[in-house]
């Protein structure tokens, strides 16, 4: 959290009369009601940076995928193998749906996911989430496979 407050305190007889705050840079900063400035990136990031938390008021809801820094990307960009969020979290925990067979009887070279769908055994414990319930990457299953 970066908060700056540059101002002049007017003190008379030991009492704070008023504070004149510096003007925030409206291009790069948000002005809190107390006159302190925070970077625009800290507004609507689900962290209260202003003293009274007003930096989290009047934030738009995200209809797509919300990145950790508060940015919103359209749903189609989630799990498209291109990092659109600053830290790439839109590409985390993606399910390789092309590896999943429809629910039915699994063959001997397939693994049954918790929902009954089948994936090829080679996709189990490969650090890619293929089952909707992530059962193919369950640590208990993977530790048995590695022995």
N, C-alpha and C. Protein backbone atom coordinates (compact mmCIF):
# COMPACT_ATOMS: atom_id res chain seq x y z
N UNK A 1 0.85 -1.16 0.00
CA UNK A 1 0.00 0.00 0.00
C UNK A 1 0.90 1.22 0.00
N UNK A 2 0.72 2.08 -0.96
CA UNK A 2 1.47 3.31 -1.06
C UNK A 2 0.49 4.46 -0.90
N UNK A 3 0.64 5.21 0.19
CA UNK A 3 -0.21 6.37 0.43
C UNK A 3 0.70 7.55 0.68
N UNK A 4 0.45 8.64 -0.01
CA UNK A 4 1.23 9.83 0.27
C UNK A 4 0.28 10.96 0.62
N UNK A 5 0.72 11.80 1.48
CA UNK A 5 -0.05 12.97 1.83
C UNK A 5 0.95 14.09 2.05
N UNK A 6 1.05 14.96 1.08
CA UNK A 6 1.93 16.10 1.18
C UNK A 6 1.06 17.31 1.49
N UNK A 7 1.30 17.93 2.58
CA UNK A 7 0.46 19.07 2.90
C UNK A 7 1.08 19.96 3.94
N UNK A 8 0.37 20.96 4.27
CA UNK A 8 0.80 21.93 5.26
C UNK A 8 -0.18 21.87 6.42
N UNK A 9 0.32 21.68 7.61
CA UNK A 9 -0.52 21.67 8.80
C UNK A 9 -0.51 23.08 9.39
N UNK A 10 -1.66 23.60 9.68
CA UNK A 10 -1.78 24.91 10.33
C UNK A 10 -2.12 24.64 11.79
N UNK A 11 -1.18 24.94 12.66
CA UNK A 11 -1.37 24.67 14.08
C UNK A 11 -1.34 26.00 14.83
N UNK A 12 -2.34 26.24 15.66
CA UNK A 12 -2.44 27.47 16.43
C UNK A 12 -2.66 27.09 17.88
N UNK A 13 -1.77 27.52 18.73
CA UNK A 13 -1.85 27.25 20.17
C UNK A 13 -1.94 25.76 20.46
N UNK A 14 -1.20 24.96 19.68
CA UNK A 14 -1.17 23.52 19.93
C UNK A 14 -2.33 22.74 19.34
N UNK A 15 -3.24 23.40 18.67
CA UNK A 15 -4.38 22.71 18.09
C UNK A 15 -4.28 22.72 16.57
N UNK A 16 -4.61 21.60 15.97
CA UNK A 16 -4.63 21.52 14.51
C UNK A 16 -5.86 22.27 14.01
N UNK A 17 -5.63 23.31 13.25
CA UNK A 17 -6.74 24.11 12.73
C UNK A 17 -7.24 23.51 11.42
N UNK A 18 -6.37 23.28 10.46
CA UNK A 18 -6.73 22.61 9.22
C UNK A 18 -5.47 22.16 8.51
N UNK A 19 -5.65 21.32 7.55
CA UNK A 19 -4.53 20.79 6.77
C UNK A 19 -4.79 21.11 5.31
N UNK A 20 -3.79 21.65 4.67
CA UNK A 20 -3.88 21.90 3.23
C UNK A 20 -3.10 20.79 2.54
N UNK A 21 -3.79 20.00 1.79
CA UNK A 21 -3.16 18.85 1.14
C UNK A 21 -2.70 19.19 -0.26
N UNK A 22 -1.67 18.49 -0.69
CA UNK A 22 -1.20 18.64 -2.06
C UNK A 22 -2.23 18.03 -3.00
N UNK A 23 -2.20 18.43 -4.23
CA UNK A 23 -3.13 17.90 -5.23
C UNK A 23 -2.52 16.63 -5.81
N UNK A 24 -3.33 15.58 -5.88
CA UNK A 24 -2.87 14.32 -6.46
C UNK A 24 -2.81 14.45 -7.98
N UNK A 25 -1.99 13.65 -8.59
CA UNK A 25 -1.91 13.59 -10.04
C UNK A 25 -3.09 12.76 -10.53
N UNK A 26 -4.11 13.39 -11.09
CA UNK A 26 -5.33 12.68 -11.49
C UNK A 26 -5.10 11.65 -12.58
N UNK A 27 -4.00 11.74 -13.29
CA UNK A 27 -3.70 10.78 -14.34
C UNK A 27 -3.24 9.46 -13.74
N UNK A 28 -2.43 9.53 -12.69
CA UNK A 28 -1.83 8.31 -12.12
C UNK A 28 -2.31 7.99 -10.72
N UNK A 29 -3.05 8.90 -10.08
CA UNK A 29 -3.41 8.72 -8.68
C UNK A 29 -4.89 8.96 -8.43
N UNK A 30 -5.38 8.33 -7.37
CA UNK A 30 -6.74 8.53 -6.87
C UNK A 30 -6.62 9.36 -5.60
N UNK A 31 -7.50 10.34 -5.44
CA UNK A 31 -7.48 11.19 -4.25
C UNK A 31 -8.47 10.67 -3.22
N UNK A 32 -7.97 10.30 -2.06
CA UNK A 32 -8.82 9.87 -0.95
C UNK A 32 -9.46 11.11 -0.32
N UNK A 33 -10.55 10.92 0.42
CA UNK A 33 -11.26 12.07 0.99
C UNK A 33 -10.41 12.83 2.00
N UNK A 34 -9.40 12.19 2.57
CA UNK A 34 -8.52 12.90 3.51
C UNK A 34 -7.40 13.65 2.80
N UNK A 35 -7.40 13.60 1.47
CA UNK A 35 -6.40 14.30 0.68
C UNK A 35 -5.19 13.47 0.32
N UNK A 36 -5.09 12.28 0.89
CA UNK A 36 -3.95 11.42 0.54
C UNK A 36 -4.15 10.85 -0.86
N UNK A 37 -3.05 10.43 -1.47
CA UNK A 37 -3.07 9.94 -2.84
C UNK A 37 -2.63 8.49 -2.88
N UNK A 38 -3.30 7.70 -3.69
CA UNK A 38 -2.88 6.31 -3.93
C UNK A 38 -2.80 6.10 -5.44
N UNK A 39 -1.98 5.17 -5.89
CA UNK A 39 -1.93 4.89 -7.33
C UNK A 39 -3.29 4.40 -7.84
N UNK A 40 -3.67 4.76 -9.07
CA UNK A 40 -4.93 4.29 -9.64
C UNK A 40 -5.03 2.76 -9.62
N UNK A 41 -3.89 2.08 -9.75
CA UNK A 41 -3.90 0.62 -9.73
C UNK A 41 -4.40 0.06 -8.41
N UNK A 42 -4.32 0.87 -7.33
CA UNK A 42 -4.79 0.41 -6.02
C UNK A 42 -6.26 0.67 -5.80
N UNK A 43 -6.94 1.33 -6.73
CA UNK A 43 -8.38 1.54 -6.62
C UNK A 43 -9.09 0.31 -7.15
N UNK A 44 -10.07 -0.14 -6.40
CA UNK A 44 -10.89 -1.32 -6.78
C UNK A 44 -10.04 -2.58 -6.90
N UNK A 45 -9.05 -2.73 -6.02
CA UNK A 45 -8.23 -3.95 -6.04
C UNK A 45 -8.56 -4.86 -4.86
N UNK A 46 -9.68 -4.59 -4.20
CA UNK A 46 -10.16 -5.38 -3.06
C UNK A 46 -9.27 -5.24 -1.83
N UNK A 47 -8.50 -4.15 -1.76
CA UNK A 47 -7.67 -3.82 -0.60
C UNK A 47 -7.98 -2.38 -0.24
N UNK A 48 -8.29 -2.13 1.04
CA UNK A 48 -8.58 -0.76 1.46
C UNK A 48 -7.27 0.00 1.63
N UNK A 49 -7.02 0.93 0.71
CA UNK A 49 -5.80 1.72 0.75
C UNK A 49 -6.05 3.10 1.35
N UNK A 50 -7.20 3.70 1.11
CA UNK A 50 -7.56 4.96 1.76
C UNK A 50 -7.95 4.66 3.20
N UNK A 51 -7.79 5.62 4.08
CA UNK A 51 -8.06 5.40 5.51
C UNK A 51 -9.47 4.94 5.77
N UNK A 52 -10.45 5.44 5.03
CA UNK A 52 -11.84 5.01 5.26
C UNK A 52 -12.32 4.00 4.21
N UNK A 53 -11.43 3.52 3.37
CA UNK A 53 -11.77 2.46 2.42
C UNK A 53 -12.53 2.90 1.19
N UNK A 54 -12.62 4.22 0.94
CA UNK A 54 -13.42 4.69 -0.19
C UNK A 54 -12.86 4.29 -1.55
N UNK A 55 -11.60 3.85 -1.57
CA UNK A 55 -11.02 3.40 -2.84
C UNK A 55 -11.66 2.11 -3.33
N UNK A 56 -12.45 1.47 -2.49
CA UNK A 56 -13.16 0.24 -2.89
C UNK A 56 -14.65 0.49 -3.11
N UNK A 57 -15.08 1.76 -3.07
CA UNK A 57 -16.48 2.12 -3.34
C UNK A 57 -16.67 2.38 -4.83
N UNK A 58 -17.89 2.20 -5.30
CA UNK A 58 -18.26 2.50 -6.69
C UNK A 58 -17.39 1.76 -7.70
N UNK A 59 -17.04 0.56 -7.39
CA UNK A 59 -16.25 -0.26 -8.32
C UNK A 59 -17.21 -1.06 -9.18
N UNK A 60 -16.91 -1.13 -10.46
CA UNK A 60 -17.73 -1.91 -11.37
C UNK A 60 -17.56 -3.40 -11.07
N UNK A 61 -18.62 -4.14 -11.23
CA UNK A 61 -18.49 -5.58 -11.11
C UNK A 61 -17.98 -6.11 -12.44
N UNK A 62 -17.21 -7.14 -12.36
CA UNK A 62 -16.59 -7.70 -13.56
C UNK A 62 -17.49 -8.80 -14.12
N UNK A 63 -17.90 -8.66 -15.37
CA UNK A 63 -18.73 -9.68 -16.01
C UNK A 63 -17.89 -10.79 -16.64
N UNK A 64 -16.57 -10.60 -16.68
CA UNK A 64 -15.67 -11.60 -17.25
C UNK A 64 -14.83 -12.23 -16.15
N UNK A 65 -13.52 -12.21 -16.32
CA UNK A 65 -12.59 -12.74 -15.34
C UNK A 65 -11.87 -11.57 -14.69
N UNK A 66 -11.85 -11.52 -13.35
CA UNK A 66 -11.18 -10.43 -12.66
C UNK A 66 -9.78 -10.87 -12.25
N UNK A 67 -8.79 -10.12 -12.73
CA UNK A 67 -7.39 -10.38 -12.39
C UNK A 67 -7.14 -9.97 -10.94
N UNK A 68 -6.05 -10.47 -10.38
CA UNK A 68 -5.70 -10.15 -9.00
C UNK A 68 -5.53 -8.66 -8.76
N UNK A 69 -5.11 -7.92 -9.78
CA UNK A 69 -4.90 -6.48 -9.60
C UNK A 69 -6.18 -5.68 -9.84
N UNK A 70 -7.31 -6.37 -10.03
CA UNK A 70 -8.60 -5.71 -10.20
C UNK A 70 -9.01 -5.52 -11.65
N UNK A 71 -8.09 -5.71 -12.58
CA UNK A 71 -8.43 -5.56 -14.00
C UNK A 71 -9.44 -6.64 -14.39
N UNK A 72 -10.28 -6.30 -15.33
CA UNK A 72 -11.32 -7.22 -15.80
C UNK A 72 -11.05 -7.55 -17.26
N UNK A 73 -11.03 -8.83 -17.59
CA UNK A 73 -10.86 -9.24 -18.98
C UNK A 73 -12.09 -10.03 -19.40
N UNK A 74 -12.40 -10.04 -20.68
CA UNK A 74 -13.56 -10.77 -21.16
C UNK A 74 -13.34 -12.27 -20.94
N UNK A 75 -14.41 -12.98 -20.68
CA UNK A 75 -14.33 -14.41 -20.36
C UNK A 75 -13.62 -15.23 -21.42
N UNK A 76 -13.76 -14.83 -22.68
CA UNK A 76 -13.15 -15.58 -23.77
C UNK A 76 -11.62 -15.59 -23.68
N UNK A 77 -11.04 -14.64 -22.95
CA UNK A 77 -9.59 -14.57 -22.82
C UNK A 77 -9.08 -15.44 -21.67
N UNK A 78 -9.97 -16.00 -20.87
CA UNK A 78 -9.59 -16.90 -19.79
C UNK A 78 -9.24 -18.25 -20.40
N UNK A 79 -8.08 -18.78 -20.05
CA UNK A 79 -7.62 -20.10 -20.50
C UNK A 79 -7.48 -20.18 -22.02
N UNK A 80 -7.01 -19.10 -22.63
CA UNK A 80 -6.79 -19.12 -24.08
C UNK A 80 -5.31 -19.27 -24.43
N UNK A 81 -4.50 -19.63 -23.44
CA UNK A 81 -3.06 -19.84 -23.58
C UNK A 81 -2.30 -18.55 -23.88
N UNK A 82 -2.92 -17.41 -23.54
CA UNK A 82 -2.26 -16.11 -23.63
C UNK A 82 -2.50 -15.39 -22.30
N UNK A 83 -1.43 -15.00 -21.62
CA UNK A 83 -1.56 -14.33 -20.34
C UNK A 83 -2.03 -12.89 -20.56
N UNK A 84 -3.27 -12.61 -20.15
CA UNK A 84 -3.84 -11.27 -20.29
C UNK A 84 -3.76 -10.49 -18.99
N UNK A 85 -3.76 -11.17 -17.85
CA UNK A 85 -3.58 -10.52 -16.56
C UNK A 85 -2.10 -10.28 -16.34
N UNK A 86 -1.80 -9.28 -15.54
CA UNK A 86 -0.42 -8.89 -15.28
C UNK A 86 0.43 -10.07 -14.80
N UNK A 87 -0.12 -10.87 -13.89
CA UNK A 87 0.62 -12.01 -13.34
C UNK A 87 0.25 -13.33 -14.00
N UNK A 88 -0.55 -13.29 -15.05
CA UNK A 88 -0.90 -14.50 -15.80
C UNK A 88 -1.91 -15.41 -15.13
N UNK A 89 -2.60 -14.90 -14.08
CA UNK A 89 -3.54 -15.76 -13.36
C UNK A 89 -4.74 -16.18 -14.19
N UNK A 90 -4.98 -15.54 -15.33
CA UNK A 90 -6.07 -15.96 -16.20
C UNK A 90 -5.76 -17.29 -16.91
N UNK A 91 -4.52 -17.74 -16.81
CA UNK A 91 -4.13 -19.01 -17.43
C UNK A 91 -3.86 -20.10 -16.39
N UNK A 92 -4.15 -19.82 -15.12
CA UNK A 92 -3.95 -20.81 -14.07
C UNK A 92 -5.20 -21.66 -13.90
N UNK A 93 -5.00 -22.90 -13.51
CA UNK A 93 -6.08 -23.84 -13.21
C UNK A 93 -7.04 -24.02 -14.38
N UNK A 94 -6.49 -24.05 -15.57
CA UNK A 94 -7.30 -24.26 -16.76
C UNK A 94 -7.46 -25.74 -17.03
N UNK A 95 -8.59 -26.11 -17.51
CA UNK A 95 -8.89 -27.52 -17.77
C UNK A 95 -8.74 -27.78 -19.25
N UNK A 96 -7.99 -28.82 -19.58
CA UNK A 96 -7.80 -29.21 -20.98
C UNK A 96 -9.01 -30.03 -21.43
N UNK A 97 -10.06 -29.36 -21.82
CA UNK A 97 -11.30 -30.05 -22.18
C UNK A 97 -11.16 -30.93 -23.40
N UNK A 98 -10.19 -30.66 -24.25
CA UNK A 98 -10.02 -31.47 -25.45
C UNK A 98 -9.54 -32.88 -25.09
N UNK A 99 -9.03 -33.07 -23.87
CA UNK A 99 -8.55 -34.38 -23.44
C UNK A 99 -9.63 -35.21 -22.76
N UNK A 100 -10.84 -34.68 -22.60
CA UNK A 100 -11.90 -35.35 -21.86
C UNK A 100 -12.89 -35.98 -22.81
N UNK A 101 -13.14 -37.29 -22.59
CA UNK A 101 -14.15 -37.99 -23.36
C UNK A 101 -15.50 -37.81 -22.67
N UNK A 102 -16.60 -37.91 -23.41
CA UNK A 102 -17.91 -37.80 -22.76
C UNK A 102 -18.11 -38.93 -21.75
N UNK A 103 -19.00 -38.67 -20.81
CA UNK A 103 -19.29 -39.67 -19.77
C UNK A 103 -19.72 -40.98 -20.42
N UNK A 104 -19.20 -42.04 -19.90
CA UNK A 104 -19.51 -43.37 -20.41
C UNK A 104 -18.59 -44.38 -19.77
N UNK A 105 -18.38 -45.49 -20.42
CA UNK A 105 -17.51 -46.52 -19.91
C UNK A 105 -16.09 -46.20 -20.32
N UNK A 106 -15.20 -46.17 -19.33
CA UNK A 106 -13.80 -45.88 -19.62
C UNK A 106 -13.10 -47.17 -20.05
N UNK A 107 -12.21 -47.06 -21.01
CA UNK A 107 -11.44 -48.23 -21.44
C UNK A 107 -10.28 -48.46 -20.47
N UNK A 108 -9.54 -49.51 -20.65
CA UNK A 108 -8.45 -49.85 -19.74
C UNK A 108 -7.31 -48.83 -19.78
N UNK A 109 -7.19 -48.08 -20.86
CA UNK A 109 -6.12 -47.07 -20.94
C UNK A 109 -6.64 -45.68 -20.59
N UNK A 110 -7.80 -45.62 -19.90
CA UNK A 110 -8.38 -44.34 -19.51
C UNK A 110 -8.58 -44.26 -18.00
N UNK A 111 -8.61 -43.05 -17.51
CA UNK A 111 -8.82 -42.74 -16.09
C UNK A 111 -10.21 -42.14 -15.95
N UNK A 112 -10.95 -42.57 -14.92
CA UNK A 112 -12.30 -42.05 -14.71
C UNK A 112 -12.24 -40.86 -13.75
N UNK A 113 -12.74 -39.73 -14.23
CA UNK A 113 -12.84 -38.53 -13.39
C UNK A 113 -14.02 -38.69 -12.43
N UNK A 114 -14.08 -37.85 -11.42
CA UNK A 114 -15.15 -37.93 -10.43
C UNK A 114 -16.54 -37.78 -11.00
N UNK A 115 -16.68 -37.07 -12.13
CA UNK A 115 -17.99 -36.88 -12.75
C UNK A 115 -18.35 -38.00 -13.73
N UNK A 116 -17.46 -39.01 -13.84
CA UNK A 116 -17.73 -40.14 -14.73
C UNK A 116 -17.11 -40.00 -16.10
N UNK A 117 -16.60 -38.83 -16.45
CA UNK A 117 -15.95 -38.67 -17.74
C UNK A 117 -14.59 -39.37 -17.72
N UNK A 118 -14.04 -39.65 -18.89
CA UNK A 118 -12.81 -40.42 -19.01
C UNK A 118 -11.73 -39.60 -19.70
N UNK A 119 -10.51 -39.75 -19.23
CA UNK A 119 -9.37 -39.14 -19.90
C UNK A 119 -8.31 -40.21 -20.11
N UNK A 120 -7.46 -40.04 -21.07
CA UNK A 120 -6.38 -40.98 -21.33
C UNK A 120 -5.46 -41.03 -20.12
N UNK A 121 -4.97 -42.20 -19.76
CA UNK A 121 -4.09 -42.35 -18.60
C UNK A 121 -2.86 -41.45 -18.66
N UNK A 122 -2.40 -41.14 -19.86
CA UNK A 122 -1.19 -40.30 -19.98
C UNK A 122 -1.42 -38.87 -19.47
N UNK A 123 -2.70 -38.47 -19.32
CA UNK A 123 -3.02 -37.13 -18.84
C UNK A 123 -3.16 -37.06 -17.32
N UNK A 124 -3.02 -38.21 -16.64
CA UNK A 124 -3.12 -38.24 -15.18
C UNK A 124 -1.76 -37.85 -14.60
N UNK A 125 -1.79 -36.93 -13.63
CA UNK A 125 -0.59 -36.47 -12.92
C UNK A 125 0.44 -35.86 -13.88
N UNK A 126 -0.04 -35.12 -14.87
CA UNK A 126 0.87 -34.45 -15.81
C UNK A 126 0.94 -32.95 -15.55
N UNK A 127 0.41 -32.53 -14.41
CA UNK A 127 0.38 -31.13 -13.97
C UNK A 127 -0.51 -30.25 -14.83
N UNK A 128 -1.43 -30.88 -15.56
CA UNK A 128 -2.45 -30.16 -16.32
C UNK A 128 -3.80 -30.67 -15.84
N UNK A 129 -4.69 -29.75 -15.49
CA UNK A 129 -6.01 -30.14 -14.99
C UNK A 129 -6.89 -30.55 -16.16
N UNK A 130 -7.21 -31.83 -16.24
CA UNK A 130 -8.05 -32.34 -17.32
C UNK A 130 -9.46 -32.66 -16.84
N UNK A 131 -9.61 -33.19 -15.64
CA UNK A 131 -10.93 -33.48 -15.07
C UNK A 131 -11.54 -32.20 -14.51
N UNK A 132 -12.85 -32.07 -14.64
CA UNK A 132 -13.55 -30.90 -14.08
C UNK A 132 -13.34 -30.78 -12.58
N UNK A 133 -13.20 -31.93 -11.89
CA UNK A 133 -13.02 -31.93 -10.44
C UNK A 133 -11.55 -32.00 -10.03
N UNK A 134 -10.65 -31.92 -11.00
CA UNK A 134 -9.19 -31.92 -10.78
C UNK A 134 -8.68 -33.25 -10.20
N UNK A 135 -9.49 -34.30 -10.26
CA UNK A 135 -9.10 -35.58 -9.69
C UNK A 135 -7.85 -36.14 -10.35
N UNK A 136 -7.61 -35.80 -11.61
CA UNK A 136 -6.44 -36.32 -12.32
C UNK A 136 -5.13 -35.75 -11.79
N UNK A 137 -5.20 -34.70 -10.97
CA UNK A 137 -4.00 -34.12 -10.37
C UNK A 137 -4.04 -34.19 -8.84
N UNK A 138 -4.90 -35.05 -8.32
CA UNK A 138 -5.02 -35.21 -6.87
C UNK A 138 -3.70 -35.72 -6.30
N UNK A 139 -3.13 -35.06 -5.30
CA UNK A 139 -1.84 -35.48 -4.73
C UNK A 139 -1.84 -36.93 -4.23
N UNK A 140 -2.95 -37.39 -3.69
CA UNK A 140 -3.01 -38.78 -3.19
C UNK A 140 -2.89 -39.77 -4.35
N UNK A 141 -3.53 -39.47 -5.46
CA UNK A 141 -3.44 -40.35 -6.63
C UNK A 141 -2.05 -40.27 -7.25
N UNK A 142 -1.53 -39.07 -7.37
CA UNK A 142 -0.22 -38.89 -8.01
C UNK A 142 0.91 -39.48 -7.18
N UNK A 143 0.80 -39.43 -5.86
CA UNK A 143 1.85 -40.03 -5.03
C UNK A 143 1.86 -41.55 -5.16
N UNK A 144 0.69 -42.16 -5.38
CA UNK A 144 0.63 -43.62 -5.60
C UNK A 144 1.20 -43.98 -6.95
N UNK A 145 0.99 -43.13 -7.95
CA UNK A 145 1.48 -43.41 -9.30
C UNK A 145 2.99 -43.32 -9.38
N UNK A 146 3.60 -42.48 -8.57
CA UNK A 146 5.04 -42.27 -8.63
C UNK A 146 5.83 -43.32 -7.85
N UNK A 147 5.15 -44.26 -7.22
CA UNK A 147 5.85 -45.31 -6.47
C UNK A 147 5.98 -46.58 -7.28
